[in-house]
Amino acid sequence: MFTKKHLAVLMLATGGLASGSAFSAEVCFGTLNETVTLASLTAAGAACTQQDKVYSNFSANANLTAPDPSVNILTTPAGGIDLHTLTIPLTGAPIINNTSVNQTYTLSYTINVIGDPNNYITQVALGCNVPNGLVGCTKDVSYTGFSTTLNGNSASANLFTRTVDTTDTITLAPGGVLIALTNTYTETLNAVPEPTSVALMGLGLAGLGVWRRRKV
């Protein structure tokens, strides 16, 4: 099991994660089910390490930070995959747009897979629990060489990466109610290369074979 001690050794050896800088404030406690405040995650240098994932670089606009909601980060092993869910549950105290104009709520963060180099994030899903007043619910997902936008209160995309930058944007009409925002990441253990990579590798080997035959 990948622990915070392993993370500390890894960061000392490599000089930090992909961003090149270590995080100064660990806000989680090493369990597979963490609940922390949004304020603690958006503090300077904050990160949440869970299993072999690090959630970091959190930011949110004032509409979302003002009520300072709780954030639940959960890992569910499921035989060959791990499901990682980040949820802002607002069942007890939903966010309500009490203004006369549309209001936007945004949340951005980065998730990194550390440890085993064969583990990859292979899918991300978005969920917005908005019983009424939803104008839009989108999720911008990006990593090196890839970007996409999920639209709607239930959407998903296939990925193949160890680092994902993500931004959720929810727009509520006057009187709109937000009960929950949920992001689910599927991490495949011992993942095989994506089909495009396999195809390119096959073309390269085929080309090498043709070159060798011509040379002979």
N, C-alpha and C. Protein backbone atom coordinates (compact mmCIF):
# COMPACT_ATOMS: atom_id res chain seq x y z
N MET A 1 0.85 -1.21 0.00
CA MET A 1 0.00 0.00 0.00
C MET A 1 0.88 1.25 0.00
N PHE A 2 0.59 2.19 -0.84
CA PHE A 2 1.36 3.42 -0.94
C PHE A 2 0.94 4.37 0.17
N THR A 3 1.88 4.73 1.05
CA THR A 3 1.58 5.56 2.22
C THR A 3 2.23 6.92 2.10
N LYS A 4 1.92 7.80 3.07
CA LYS A 4 2.54 9.13 3.07
C LYS A 4 4.05 9.04 3.24
N LYS A 5 4.53 8.00 3.96
CA LYS A 5 5.97 7.83 4.12
C LYS A 5 6.61 7.56 2.76
N HIS A 6 5.95 6.71 1.95
CA HIS A 6 6.47 6.45 0.61
C HIS A 6 6.48 7.73 -0.22
N LEU A 7 5.40 8.53 -0.08
CA LEU A 7 5.32 9.79 -0.82
C LEU A 7 6.46 10.72 -0.43
N ALA A 8 6.75 10.80 0.86
CA ALA A 8 7.82 11.68 1.32
C ALA A 8 9.16 11.27 0.73
N VAL A 9 9.43 9.94 0.71
CA VAL A 9 10.67 9.43 0.14
C VAL A 9 10.72 9.74 -1.35
N LEU A 10 9.60 9.52 -2.04
CA LEU A 10 9.54 9.79 -3.48
C LEU A 10 9.81 11.25 -3.78
N MET A 11 9.20 12.14 -3.00
CA MET A 11 9.37 13.57 -3.26
C MET A 11 10.78 14.03 -2.94
N LEU A 12 11.41 13.45 -1.91
CA LEU A 12 12.79 13.79 -1.60
C LEU A 12 13.71 13.33 -2.73
N ALA A 13 13.40 12.18 -3.30
CA ALA A 13 14.24 11.63 -4.34
C ALA A 13 14.10 12.37 -5.66
N THR A 14 12.91 12.86 -5.92
CA THR A 14 12.65 13.47 -7.23
C THR A 14 12.54 14.97 -7.19
N GLY A 15 12.56 15.55 -5.98
CA GLY A 15 12.44 17.00 -5.88
C GLY A 15 11.02 17.48 -6.02
N GLY A 16 10.05 16.61 -5.76
CA GLY A 16 8.64 17.01 -5.84
C GLY A 16 7.91 16.20 -6.88
N LEU A 17 6.66 16.53 -7.12
CA LEU A 17 5.84 15.86 -8.11
C LEU A 17 6.08 16.48 -9.47
N ALA A 18 5.18 16.24 -10.39
CA ALA A 18 5.38 16.70 -11.77
C ALA A 18 5.55 18.21 -11.85
N SER A 19 4.93 18.93 -10.93
CA SER A 19 5.03 20.38 -10.97
C SER A 19 6.37 20.90 -10.49
N GLY A 20 7.17 20.01 -9.83
CA GLY A 20 8.49 20.40 -9.39
C GLY A 20 8.51 21.04 -8.01
N SER A 21 7.37 21.09 -7.31
CA SER A 21 7.37 21.69 -5.99
C SER A 21 6.62 20.81 -5.02
N ALA A 22 7.15 20.70 -3.80
CA ALA A 22 6.49 19.91 -2.77
C ALA A 22 5.35 20.71 -2.16
N PHE A 23 4.36 19.98 -1.58
CA PHE A 23 3.23 20.63 -0.94
C PHE A 23 3.53 20.78 0.54
N SER A 24 3.17 21.92 1.08
CA SER A 24 3.54 22.22 2.47
C SER A 24 2.45 21.88 3.47
N ALA A 25 1.23 21.59 3.01
CA ALA A 25 0.13 21.34 3.94
C ALA A 25 -0.68 20.14 3.50
N GLU A 26 -0.46 19.00 4.16
CA GLU A 26 -1.24 17.79 3.90
C GLU A 26 -2.50 17.86 4.75
N VAL A 27 -3.66 17.81 4.10
CA VAL A 27 -4.92 18.00 4.83
C VAL A 27 -5.68 16.70 5.05
N CYS A 28 -5.18 15.59 4.48
CA CYS A 28 -5.86 14.32 4.68
C CYS A 28 -5.07 13.43 5.65
N PHE A 29 -5.67 12.30 6.03
CA PHE A 29 -5.13 11.53 7.15
C PHE A 29 -4.81 10.08 6.80
N GLY A 30 -4.68 9.78 5.52
CA GLY A 30 -4.23 8.46 5.12
C GLY A 30 -5.31 7.40 5.06
N THR A 31 -6.58 7.78 5.11
CA THR A 31 -7.66 6.80 5.00
C THR A 31 -8.24 6.84 3.59
N LEU A 32 -9.11 5.87 3.30
CA LEU A 32 -9.72 5.81 1.97
C LEU A 32 -11.02 6.59 1.90
N ASN A 33 -11.39 7.25 2.98
CA ASN A 33 -12.62 8.05 3.01
C ASN A 33 -12.35 9.30 3.85
N GLU A 34 -12.10 10.41 3.17
CA GLU A 34 -11.72 11.65 3.84
C GLU A 34 -12.80 12.72 3.62
N THR A 35 -13.09 13.49 4.66
CA THR A 35 -13.97 14.64 4.53
C THR A 35 -13.25 15.85 5.13
N VAL A 36 -13.01 16.85 4.31
CA VAL A 36 -12.30 18.05 4.74
C VAL A 36 -13.07 19.26 4.23
N THR A 37 -12.69 20.44 4.68
CA THR A 37 -13.36 21.65 4.21
C THR A 37 -12.73 22.14 2.91
N LEU A 38 -13.53 22.82 2.12
CA LEU A 38 -12.99 23.40 0.89
C LEU A 38 -11.93 24.44 1.22
N ALA A 39 -12.11 25.16 2.31
CA ALA A 39 -11.13 26.18 2.70
C ALA A 39 -9.76 25.56 2.95
N SER A 40 -9.72 24.37 3.57
CA SER A 40 -8.44 23.73 3.84
C SER A 40 -7.76 23.28 2.56
N LEU A 41 -8.53 22.88 1.56
CA LEU A 41 -7.96 22.43 0.29
C LEU A 41 -7.45 23.59 -0.56
N THR A 42 -8.12 24.74 -0.46
CA THR A 42 -7.71 25.90 -1.27
C THR A 42 -6.63 26.74 -0.59
N ALA A 43 -6.20 26.36 0.60
CA ALA A 43 -5.12 27.07 1.28
C ALA A 43 -3.81 26.88 0.51
N ALA A 44 -2.91 27.81 0.63
CA ALA A 44 -1.63 27.76 -0.09
C ALA A 44 -0.87 26.49 0.25
N GLY A 45 -0.42 25.76 -0.77
CA GLY A 45 0.39 24.57 -0.58
C GLY A 45 -0.38 23.34 -0.13
N ALA A 46 -1.71 23.40 -0.11
CA ALA A 46 -2.49 22.28 0.41
C ALA A 46 -2.59 21.14 -0.59
N ALA A 47 -2.66 19.93 -0.06
CA ALA A 47 -2.84 18.74 -0.89
C ALA A 47 -3.50 17.65 -0.05
N CYS A 48 -4.18 16.74 -0.73
CA CYS A 48 -4.76 15.57 -0.07
C CYS A 48 -4.19 14.33 -0.73
N THR A 49 -3.43 13.54 0.04
CA THR A 49 -2.86 12.30 -0.47
C THR A 49 -3.75 11.15 -0.02
N GLN A 50 -4.21 10.38 -1.01
CA GLN A 50 -5.05 9.23 -0.69
C GLN A 50 -4.61 8.06 -1.54
N GLN A 51 -4.20 6.97 -0.86
CA GLN A 51 -3.67 5.81 -1.55
C GLN A 51 -2.50 6.26 -2.42
N ASP A 52 -2.56 6.08 -3.76
CA ASP A 52 -1.45 6.52 -4.62
C ASP A 52 -1.84 7.72 -5.46
N LYS A 53 -2.77 8.53 -4.95
CA LYS A 53 -3.21 9.75 -5.64
C LYS A 53 -2.95 10.96 -4.78
N VAL A 54 -2.60 12.07 -5.44
CA VAL A 54 -2.47 13.35 -4.76
C VAL A 54 -3.40 14.35 -5.44
N TYR A 55 -4.32 14.92 -4.66
CA TYR A 55 -5.20 15.99 -5.13
C TYR A 55 -4.59 17.31 -4.67
N SER A 56 -4.41 18.24 -5.59
CA SER A 56 -3.71 19.48 -5.23
C SER A 56 -4.16 20.63 -6.14
N ASN A 57 -3.53 21.79 -5.91
CA ASN A 57 -3.77 22.99 -6.74
C ASN A 57 -5.25 23.38 -6.78
N PHE A 58 -5.91 23.27 -5.63
CA PHE A 58 -7.33 23.60 -5.57
C PHE A 58 -7.55 25.10 -5.64
N SER A 59 -8.58 25.48 -6.38
CA SER A 59 -9.05 26.86 -6.37
C SER A 59 -10.55 26.84 -6.64
N ALA A 60 -11.26 27.85 -6.16
CA ALA A 60 -12.70 27.95 -6.36
C ALA A 60 -13.07 29.42 -6.33
N ASN A 61 -14.16 29.76 -7.02
CA ASN A 61 -14.56 31.16 -7.00
C ASN A 61 -15.33 31.48 -5.71
N ALA A 62 -15.56 32.76 -5.47
CA ALA A 62 -16.15 33.21 -4.21
C ALA A 62 -17.54 32.62 -3.97
N ASN A 63 -18.29 32.37 -5.04
CA ASN A 63 -19.63 31.81 -4.88
C ASN A 63 -19.59 30.44 -4.21
N LEU A 64 -18.50 29.70 -4.46
CA LEU A 64 -18.39 28.36 -3.88
C LEU A 64 -17.64 28.37 -2.56
N THR A 65 -16.66 29.26 -2.42
CA THR A 65 -15.89 29.28 -1.17
C THR A 65 -16.63 29.96 -0.03
N ALA A 66 -17.53 30.88 -0.33
CA ALA A 66 -18.23 31.62 0.72
C ALA A 66 -18.95 30.71 1.71
N PRO A 67 -19.71 29.70 1.25
CA PRO A 67 -20.36 28.81 2.22
C PRO A 67 -19.40 27.79 2.83
N ASP A 68 -18.16 27.70 2.31
CA ASP A 68 -17.14 26.76 2.78
C ASP A 68 -17.70 25.35 2.96
N PRO A 69 -18.14 24.72 1.89
CA PRO A 69 -18.72 23.38 2.01
C PRO A 69 -17.66 22.33 2.32
N SER A 70 -18.10 21.18 2.77
CA SER A 70 -17.20 20.06 2.97
C SER A 70 -16.92 19.38 1.63
N VAL A 71 -15.79 18.69 1.56
CA VAL A 71 -15.41 17.95 0.35
C VAL A 71 -15.09 16.53 0.79
N ASN A 72 -15.74 15.56 0.16
CA ASN A 72 -15.48 14.16 0.47
C ASN A 72 -14.64 13.54 -0.65
N ILE A 73 -13.54 12.89 -0.26
CA ILE A 73 -12.65 12.22 -1.22
C ILE A 73 -12.61 10.75 -0.83
N LEU A 74 -13.05 9.89 -1.74
CA LEU A 74 -13.26 8.48 -1.44
C LEU A 74 -12.57 7.61 -2.48
N THR A 75 -11.89 6.55 -2.01
CA THR A 75 -11.32 5.53 -2.89
C THR A 75 -12.03 4.21 -2.66
N THR A 76 -12.50 3.59 -3.76
CA THR A 76 -13.19 2.31 -3.67
C THR A 76 -12.49 1.30 -4.57
N PRO A 77 -11.68 0.38 -4.00
CA PRO A 77 -11.06 -0.67 -4.82
C PRO A 77 -12.14 -1.58 -5.40
N ALA A 78 -11.98 -1.95 -6.69
CA ALA A 78 -13.01 -2.75 -7.34
C ALA A 78 -12.41 -3.80 -8.26
N GLY A 79 -11.36 -4.47 -7.81
CA GLY A 79 -10.79 -5.56 -8.58
C GLY A 79 -10.19 -5.16 -9.91
N GLY A 80 -8.94 -4.75 -9.91
CA GLY A 80 -8.27 -4.33 -11.14
C GLY A 80 -8.43 -2.86 -11.44
N ILE A 81 -9.38 -2.21 -10.78
CA ILE A 81 -9.54 -0.76 -10.91
C ILE A 81 -9.81 -0.17 -9.53
N ASP A 82 -9.52 1.09 -9.40
CA ASP A 82 -9.90 1.86 -8.22
C ASP A 82 -10.79 3.01 -8.67
N LEU A 83 -11.89 3.22 -7.97
CA LEU A 83 -12.75 4.36 -8.25
C LEU A 83 -12.44 5.45 -7.25
N HIS A 84 -12.10 6.63 -7.75
CA HIS A 84 -11.77 7.77 -6.90
C HIS A 84 -12.84 8.83 -7.10
N THR A 85 -13.52 9.16 -6.02
CA THR A 85 -14.66 10.07 -6.11
C THR A 85 -14.42 11.30 -5.26
N LEU A 86 -14.55 12.47 -5.87
CA LEU A 86 -14.49 13.73 -5.15
C LEU A 86 -15.88 14.34 -5.21
N THR A 87 -16.47 14.56 -4.04
CA THR A 87 -17.85 15.05 -3.97
C THR A 87 -17.95 16.26 -3.05
N ILE A 88 -18.68 17.25 -3.49
CA ILE A 88 -19.08 18.34 -2.59
C ILE A 88 -20.55 18.09 -2.26
N PRO A 89 -20.80 17.45 -1.11
CA PRO A 89 -22.18 17.11 -0.74
C PRO A 89 -22.84 18.28 -0.02
N LEU A 90 -23.98 18.68 -0.50
CA LEU A 90 -24.65 19.86 0.08
C LEU A 90 -26.08 19.52 0.51
N THR A 91 -26.32 18.25 0.78
CA THR A 91 -27.68 17.81 1.10
C THR A 91 -28.25 18.57 2.29
N GLY A 92 -27.43 18.75 3.32
CA GLY A 92 -27.91 19.43 4.52
C GLY A 92 -27.98 20.93 4.39
N ALA A 93 -27.17 21.48 3.49
CA ALA A 93 -27.14 22.94 3.32
C ALA A 93 -26.89 23.26 1.86
N PRO A 94 -27.88 23.06 0.99
CA PRO A 94 -27.68 23.29 -0.45
C PRO A 94 -27.35 24.74 -0.76
N ILE A 95 -26.64 24.92 -1.86
CA ILE A 95 -26.36 26.27 -2.34
C ILE A 95 -27.55 26.73 -3.17
N ILE A 96 -28.08 27.89 -2.85
CA ILE A 96 -29.25 28.43 -3.55
C ILE A 96 -28.89 29.79 -4.14
N ASN A 97 -29.22 29.97 -5.39
CA ASN A 97 -29.00 31.27 -6.03
C ASN A 97 -30.17 32.18 -5.66
N ASN A 98 -29.94 33.03 -4.68
CA ASN A 98 -30.99 33.94 -4.21
C ASN A 98 -30.96 35.29 -4.91
N THR A 99 -30.15 35.39 -5.95
CA THR A 99 -30.06 36.66 -6.69
C THR A 99 -31.06 36.65 -7.86
N SER A 100 -31.08 37.75 -8.59
CA SER A 100 -32.00 37.86 -9.73
C SER A 100 -31.30 37.60 -11.06
N VAL A 101 -30.04 37.15 -11.01
CA VAL A 101 -29.28 36.86 -12.23
C VAL A 101 -28.61 35.50 -12.10
N ASN A 102 -28.16 34.95 -13.22
CA ASN A 102 -27.45 33.68 -13.19
C ASN A 102 -26.17 33.80 -12.35
N GLN A 103 -25.86 32.73 -11.61
CA GLN A 103 -24.64 32.70 -10.82
C GLN A 103 -23.82 31.47 -11.19
N THR A 104 -22.49 31.64 -11.24
CA THR A 104 -21.58 30.57 -11.63
C THR A 104 -20.73 30.13 -10.45
N TYR A 105 -20.51 28.83 -10.34
CA TYR A 105 -19.73 28.22 -9.26
C TYR A 105 -18.64 27.37 -9.90
N THR A 106 -17.38 27.64 -9.58
CA THR A 106 -16.29 26.92 -10.23
C THR A 106 -15.36 26.27 -9.20
N LEU A 107 -14.82 25.12 -9.59
CA LEU A 107 -13.85 24.39 -8.78
C LEU A 107 -12.79 23.81 -9.70
N SER A 108 -11.51 24.09 -9.40
CA SER A 108 -10.40 23.57 -10.20
C SER A 108 -9.43 22.83 -9.29
N TYR A 109 -8.81 21.78 -9.82
CA TYR A 109 -7.78 21.06 -9.06
C TYR A 109 -7.04 20.12 -9.99
N THR A 110 -5.98 19.52 -9.48
CA THR A 110 -5.16 18.55 -10.21
C THR A 110 -5.15 17.24 -9.44
N ILE A 111 -5.23 16.13 -10.17
CA ILE A 111 -5.07 14.82 -9.54
C ILE A 111 -3.90 14.12 -10.20
N ASN A 112 -2.96 13.64 -9.38
CA ASN A 112 -1.77 12.93 -9.85
C ASN A 112 -1.77 11.50 -9.33
N VAL A 113 -1.42 10.55 -10.21
CA VAL A 113 -1.15 9.19 -9.78
C VAL A 113 0.34 9.09 -9.51
N ILE A 114 0.70 8.60 -8.34
CA ILE A 114 2.11 8.45 -7.98
C ILE A 114 2.35 6.97 -7.66
N GLY A 115 3.61 6.58 -7.52
CA GLY A 115 3.89 5.19 -7.18
C GLY A 115 4.01 4.32 -8.42
N ASP A 116 3.22 3.25 -8.50
CA ASP A 116 3.32 2.27 -9.57
C ASP A 116 3.18 2.94 -10.94
N PRO A 117 4.21 2.86 -11.79
CA PRO A 117 4.16 3.54 -13.10
C PRO A 117 3.20 2.89 -14.09
N ASN A 118 2.63 1.73 -13.75
CA ASN A 118 1.70 1.05 -14.65
C ASN A 118 0.24 1.39 -14.37
N ASN A 119 -0.02 2.24 -13.38
CA ASN A 119 -1.38 2.63 -13.06
C ASN A 119 -1.74 3.94 -13.74
N TYR A 120 -2.90 3.98 -14.39
CA TYR A 120 -3.32 5.17 -15.14
C TYR A 120 -4.78 5.49 -14.87
N ILE A 121 -5.11 6.77 -14.94
CA ILE A 121 -6.50 7.20 -14.92
C ILE A 121 -7.04 6.99 -16.33
N THR A 122 -8.10 6.20 -16.45
CA THR A 122 -8.62 5.83 -17.76
C THR A 122 -10.02 6.37 -18.04
N GLN A 123 -10.66 6.95 -17.05
CA GLN A 123 -11.97 7.55 -17.30
C GLN A 123 -12.29 8.58 -16.22
N VAL A 124 -13.04 9.60 -16.60
CA VAL A 124 -13.53 10.59 -15.65
C VAL A 124 -15.02 10.80 -15.93
N ALA A 125 -15.80 10.97 -14.86
CA ALA A 125 -17.24 11.19 -15.00
C ALA A 125 -17.65 12.38 -14.14
N LEU A 126 -18.65 13.11 -14.62
CA LEU A 126 -19.15 14.31 -13.95
C LEU A 126 -20.59 14.10 -13.54
N GLY A 127 -20.93 14.55 -12.34
CA GLY A 127 -22.31 14.49 -11.91
C GLY A 127 -22.70 15.75 -11.15
N CYS A 128 -23.82 16.36 -11.53
CA CYS A 128 -24.32 17.55 -10.84
C CYS A 128 -25.74 17.27 -10.36
N ASN A 129 -25.96 17.34 -9.07
CA ASN A 129 -27.29 17.13 -8.52
C ASN A 129 -27.95 18.50 -8.35
N VAL A 130 -28.71 18.88 -9.35
CA VAL A 130 -29.38 20.18 -9.36
C VAL A 130 -30.86 19.94 -9.66
N PRO A 131 -31.71 19.91 -8.65
CA PRO A 131 -33.13 19.59 -8.89
C PRO A 131 -33.87 20.62 -9.71
N ASN A 132 -33.42 21.88 -9.67
CA ASN A 132 -34.07 22.89 -10.50
C ASN A 132 -33.12 24.07 -10.71
N GLY A 133 -33.32 24.80 -11.80
CA GLY A 133 -32.57 26.02 -12.04
C GLY A 133 -31.21 25.82 -12.68
N LEU A 134 -30.93 24.60 -13.21
CA LEU A 134 -29.63 24.36 -13.83
C LEU A 134 -29.57 25.02 -15.21
N VAL A 135 -28.61 25.92 -15.38
CA VAL A 135 -28.37 26.53 -16.69
C VAL A 135 -27.30 25.73 -17.42
N GLY A 136 -26.26 25.35 -16.70
CA GLY A 136 -25.18 24.57 -17.31
C GLY A 136 -24.33 23.89 -16.28
N CYS A 137 -23.81 22.72 -16.64
CA CYS A 137 -22.89 21.98 -15.79
C CYS A 137 -21.82 21.39 -16.70
N THR A 138 -20.59 21.90 -16.61
CA THR A 138 -19.52 21.45 -17.51
C THR A 138 -18.27 21.12 -16.71
N LYS A 139 -17.42 20.31 -17.35
CA LYS A 139 -16.14 19.95 -16.75
C LYS A 139 -15.08 19.99 -17.83
N ASP A 140 -14.10 20.86 -17.68
CA ASP A 140 -12.96 20.92 -18.58
C ASP A 140 -11.87 20.00 -18.06
N VAL A 141 -11.42 19.08 -18.88
CA VAL A 141 -10.41 18.10 -18.51
C VAL A 141 -9.23 18.24 -19.46
N SER A 142 -8.02 18.29 -18.90
CA SER A 142 -6.86 18.43 -19.78
C SER A 142 -5.64 17.75 -19.18
N TYR A 143 -4.77 17.29 -20.06
CA TYR A 143 -3.42 16.85 -19.72
C TYR A 143 -2.60 16.97 -20.99
N THR A 144 -1.33 16.65 -20.93
CA THR A 144 -0.45 16.88 -22.06
C THR A 144 -0.99 16.22 -23.34
N GLY A 145 -1.28 17.04 -24.34
CA GLY A 145 -1.74 16.53 -25.62
C GLY A 145 -3.22 16.20 -25.69
N PHE A 146 -3.98 16.56 -24.65
CA PHE A 146 -5.40 16.19 -24.64
C PHE A 146 -6.21 17.22 -23.88
N SER A 147 -7.40 17.52 -24.39
CA SER A 147 -8.34 18.36 -23.65
C SER A 147 -9.74 18.06 -24.15
N THR A 148 -10.71 18.13 -23.25
CA THR A 148 -12.09 17.91 -23.63
C THR A 148 -12.99 18.59 -22.61
N THR A 149 -14.25 18.78 -22.98
CA THR A 149 -15.23 19.37 -22.07
C THR A 149 -16.42 18.43 -21.96
N LEU A 150 -16.77 18.06 -20.74
CA LEU A 150 -17.96 17.27 -20.50
C LEU A 150 -19.13 18.22 -20.28
N ASN A 151 -20.26 17.90 -20.86
CA ASN A 151 -21.44 18.74 -20.74
C ASN A 151 -22.60 17.94 -20.16
N GLY A 152 -23.37 18.58 -19.28
CA GLY A 152 -24.56 17.93 -18.73
C GLY A 152 -24.34 17.44 -17.33
N ASN A 153 -25.42 17.06 -16.66
CA ASN A 153 -25.30 16.65 -15.26
C ASN A 153 -24.90 15.20 -15.12
N SER A 154 -24.62 14.52 -16.24
CA SER A 154 -24.10 13.16 -16.19
C SER A 154 -23.36 12.90 -17.50
N ALA A 155 -22.02 12.97 -17.46
CA ALA A 155 -21.22 12.80 -18.67
C ALA A 155 -19.89 12.19 -18.30
N SER A 156 -19.23 11.53 -19.26
CA SER A 156 -17.95 10.89 -18.98
C SER A 156 -17.05 10.95 -20.21
N ALA A 157 -15.75 10.72 -19.98
CA ALA A 157 -14.78 10.70 -21.08
C ALA A 157 -13.69 9.69 -20.75
N ASN A 158 -13.16 9.03 -21.78
CA ASN A 158 -12.06 8.10 -21.61
C ASN A 158 -10.74 8.85 -21.66
N LEU A 159 -9.83 8.48 -20.77
CA LEU A 159 -8.52 9.13 -20.69
C LEU A 159 -7.44 8.06 -20.67
N PHE A 160 -6.19 8.49 -20.70
CA PHE A 160 -5.06 7.59 -20.43
C PHE A 160 -3.92 8.46 -19.97
N THR A 161 -3.85 8.70 -18.66
CA THR A 161 -2.88 9.64 -18.13
C THR A 161 -2.66 9.38 -16.64
N ARG A 162 -1.60 9.97 -16.10
CA ARG A 162 -1.35 9.89 -14.67
C ARG A 162 -1.56 11.24 -13.98
N THR A 163 -1.77 12.28 -14.78
CA THR A 163 -2.00 13.62 -14.23
C THR A 163 -3.15 14.28 -14.99
N VAL A 164 -4.14 14.77 -14.26
CA VAL A 164 -5.29 15.42 -14.89
C VAL A 164 -5.53 16.77 -14.23
N ASP A 165 -5.68 17.81 -15.06
CA ASP A 165 -6.12 19.12 -14.58
C ASP A 165 -7.60 19.26 -14.93
N THR A 166 -8.39 19.71 -13.98
CA THR A 166 -9.83 19.71 -14.19
C THR A 166 -10.48 20.96 -13.61
N THR A 167 -11.51 21.45 -14.29
CA THR A 167 -12.29 22.60 -13.80
C THR A 167 -13.77 22.32 -13.99
N ASP A 168 -14.52 22.37 -12.90
CA ASP A 168 -15.97 22.21 -12.94
C ASP A 168 -16.62 23.58 -12.93
N THR A 169 -17.63 23.76 -13.75
CA THR A 169 -18.37 25.02 -13.80
C THR A 169 -19.86 24.73 -13.77
N ILE A 170 -20.54 25.25 -12.77
CA ILE A 170 -21.99 25.08 -12.65
C ILE A 170 -22.63 26.46 -12.68
N THR A 171 -23.64 26.62 -13.52
CA THR A 171 -24.35 27.89 -13.61
C THR A 171 -25.80 27.68 -13.20
N LEU A 172 -26.23 28.44 -12.20
CA LEU A 172 -27.60 28.34 -11.69
C LEU A 172 -28.39 29.58 -12.07
N ALA A 173 -29.64 29.37 -12.48
CA ALA A 173 -30.57 30.46 -12.72
C ALA A 173 -31.06 30.98 -11.36
N PRO A 174 -31.67 32.15 -11.33
CA PRO A 174 -32.26 32.65 -10.07
C PRO A 174 -33.19 31.60 -9.46
N GLY A 175 -32.98 31.33 -8.18
CA GLY A 175 -33.76 30.31 -7.49
C GLY A 175 -33.24 28.91 -7.65
N GLY A 176 -32.17 28.73 -8.45
CA GLY A 176 -31.60 27.40 -8.65
C GLY A 176 -30.95 26.85 -7.40
N VAL A 177 -30.97 25.53 -7.28
CA VAL A 177 -30.46 24.85 -6.09
C VAL A 177 -29.42 23.81 -6.49
N LEU A 178 -28.25 23.86 -5.84
CA LEU A 178 -27.19 22.86 -6.06
C LEU A 178 -27.08 21.99 -4.82
N ILE A 179 -27.30 20.68 -4.99
CA ILE A 179 -27.25 19.74 -3.87
C ILE A 179 -25.92 19.02 -3.80
N ALA A 180 -25.31 18.72 -4.95
CA ALA A 180 -24.03 18.01 -4.93
C ALA A 180 -23.31 18.14 -6.26
N LEU A 181 -21.99 18.15 -6.18
CA LEU A 181 -21.11 18.07 -7.35
C LEU A 181 -20.23 16.84 -7.15
N THR A 182 -20.18 15.96 -8.15
CA THR A 182 -19.43 14.72 -8.00
C THR A 182 -18.53 14.49 -9.21
N ASN A 183 -17.26 14.21 -8.95
CA ASN A 183 -16.31 13.81 -9.98
C ASN A 183 -15.83 12.40 -9.65
N THR A 184 -15.91 11.49 -10.62
CA THR A 184 -15.44 10.12 -10.39
C THR A 184 -14.35 9.78 -11.41
N TYR A 185 -13.21 9.31 -10.89
CA TYR A 185 -12.09 8.93 -11.73
C TYR A 185 -11.88 7.42 -11.63
N THR A 186 -11.72 6.77 -12.76
CA THR A 186 -11.40 5.35 -12.79
C THR A 186 -9.91 5.19 -13.00
N GLU A 187 -9.25 4.56 -12.05
CA GLU A 187 -7.82 4.27 -12.18
C GLU A 187 -7.67 2.78 -12.50
N THR A 188 -7.08 2.48 -13.64
CA THR A 188 -6.86 1.09 -14.03
C THR A 188 -5.47 0.67 -13.57
N LEU A 189 -5.42 -0.43 -12.83
CA LEU A 189 -4.15 -0.94 -12.31
C LEU A 189 -3.50 -1.81 -13.38
N ASN A 190 -2.20 -1.67 -13.54
CA ASN A 190 -1.46 -2.40 -14.58
C ASN A 190 -2.12 -2.19 -15.94
N ALA A 191 -2.36 -0.93 -16.27
CA ALA A 191 -3.05 -0.58 -17.51
C ALA A 191 -2.17 -0.87 -18.72
N VAL A 192 -2.80 -1.26 -19.83
CA VAL A 192 -2.08 -1.45 -21.09
C VAL A 192 -2.14 -0.15 -21.86
N PRO A 193 -1.22 0.09 -22.79
CA PRO A 193 -1.25 1.33 -23.57
C PRO A 193 -2.57 1.49 -24.30
N GLU A 194 -2.98 2.75 -24.50
CA GLU A 194 -4.22 3.02 -25.22
C GLU A 194 -4.10 2.53 -26.65
N PRO A 195 -5.23 2.20 -27.33
CA PRO A 195 -5.20 1.64 -28.68
C PRO A 195 -4.38 2.45 -29.68
N THR A 196 -4.45 3.78 -29.58
CA THR A 196 -3.69 4.61 -30.52
C THR A 196 -2.21 4.35 -30.39
N SER A 197 -1.72 4.24 -29.14
CA SER A 197 -0.30 3.98 -28.92
C SER A 197 0.09 2.62 -29.46
N VAL A 198 -0.79 1.61 -29.23
CA VAL A 198 -0.51 0.27 -29.73
C VAL A 198 -0.45 0.28 -31.26
N ALA A 199 -1.39 0.99 -31.89
CA ALA A 199 -1.42 1.06 -33.35
C ALA A 199 -0.16 1.70 -33.90
N LEU A 200 0.27 2.79 -33.28
CA LEU A 200 1.49 3.47 -33.73
C LEU A 200 2.70 2.57 -33.58
N MET A 201 2.73 1.82 -32.46
CA MET A 201 3.84 0.90 -32.24
C MET A 201 3.85 -0.18 -33.32
N GLY A 202 2.64 -0.68 -33.67
CA GLY A 202 2.54 -1.71 -34.70
C GLY A 202 3.01 -1.20 -36.05
N LEU A 203 2.63 0.04 -36.40
CA LEU A 203 3.07 0.63 -37.66
C LEU A 203 4.59 0.77 -37.69
N GLY A 204 5.15 1.16 -36.53
CA GLY A 204 6.59 1.32 -36.46
C GLY A 204 7.31 0.00 -36.68
N LEU A 205 6.81 -1.07 -36.05
CA LEU A 205 7.43 -2.39 -36.22
C LEU A 205 7.27 -2.89 -37.65
N ALA A 206 6.07 -2.62 -38.24
CA ALA A 206 5.86 -3.04 -39.63
C ALA A 206 6.83 -2.32 -40.56
N GLY A 207 7.01 -1.04 -40.33
CA GLY A 207 7.94 -0.27 -41.15
C GLY A 207 9.37 -0.77 -41.02
N LEU A 208 9.74 -1.17 -39.80
CA LEU A 208 11.08 -1.72 -39.57
C LEU A 208 11.26 -3.01 -40.34
N GLY A 209 10.19 -3.84 -40.37
CA GLY A 209 10.27 -5.10 -41.10
C GLY A 209 10.46 -4.87 -42.59
N VAL A 210 9.72 -3.92 -43.16
CA VAL A 210 9.87 -3.60 -44.58
C VAL A 210 11.27 -3.10 -44.87
N TRP A 211 11.79 -2.24 -44.00
CA TRP A 211 13.15 -1.70 -44.20
C TRP A 211 14.19 -2.80 -44.18
N ARG A 212 14.02 -3.77 -43.25
CA ARG A 212 14.99 -4.86 -43.15
C ARG A 212 14.93 -5.75 -44.38
N ARG A 213 13.70 -6.02 -44.89
CA ARG A 213 13.58 -6.86 -46.07
C ARG A 213 14.23 -6.20 -47.28
N ARG A 214 14.02 -4.87 -47.41
CA ARG A 214 14.64 -4.15 -48.52
C ARG A 214 16.16 -4.17 -48.42
N LYS A 215 16.65 -4.07 -47.20
CA LYS A 215 18.09 -4.04 -46.99
C LYS A 215 18.71 -5.38 -47.38
N VAL A 216 17.97 -6.48 -47.07
CA VAL A 216 18.46 -7.80 -47.43
C VAL A 216 18.39 -8.00 -48.95
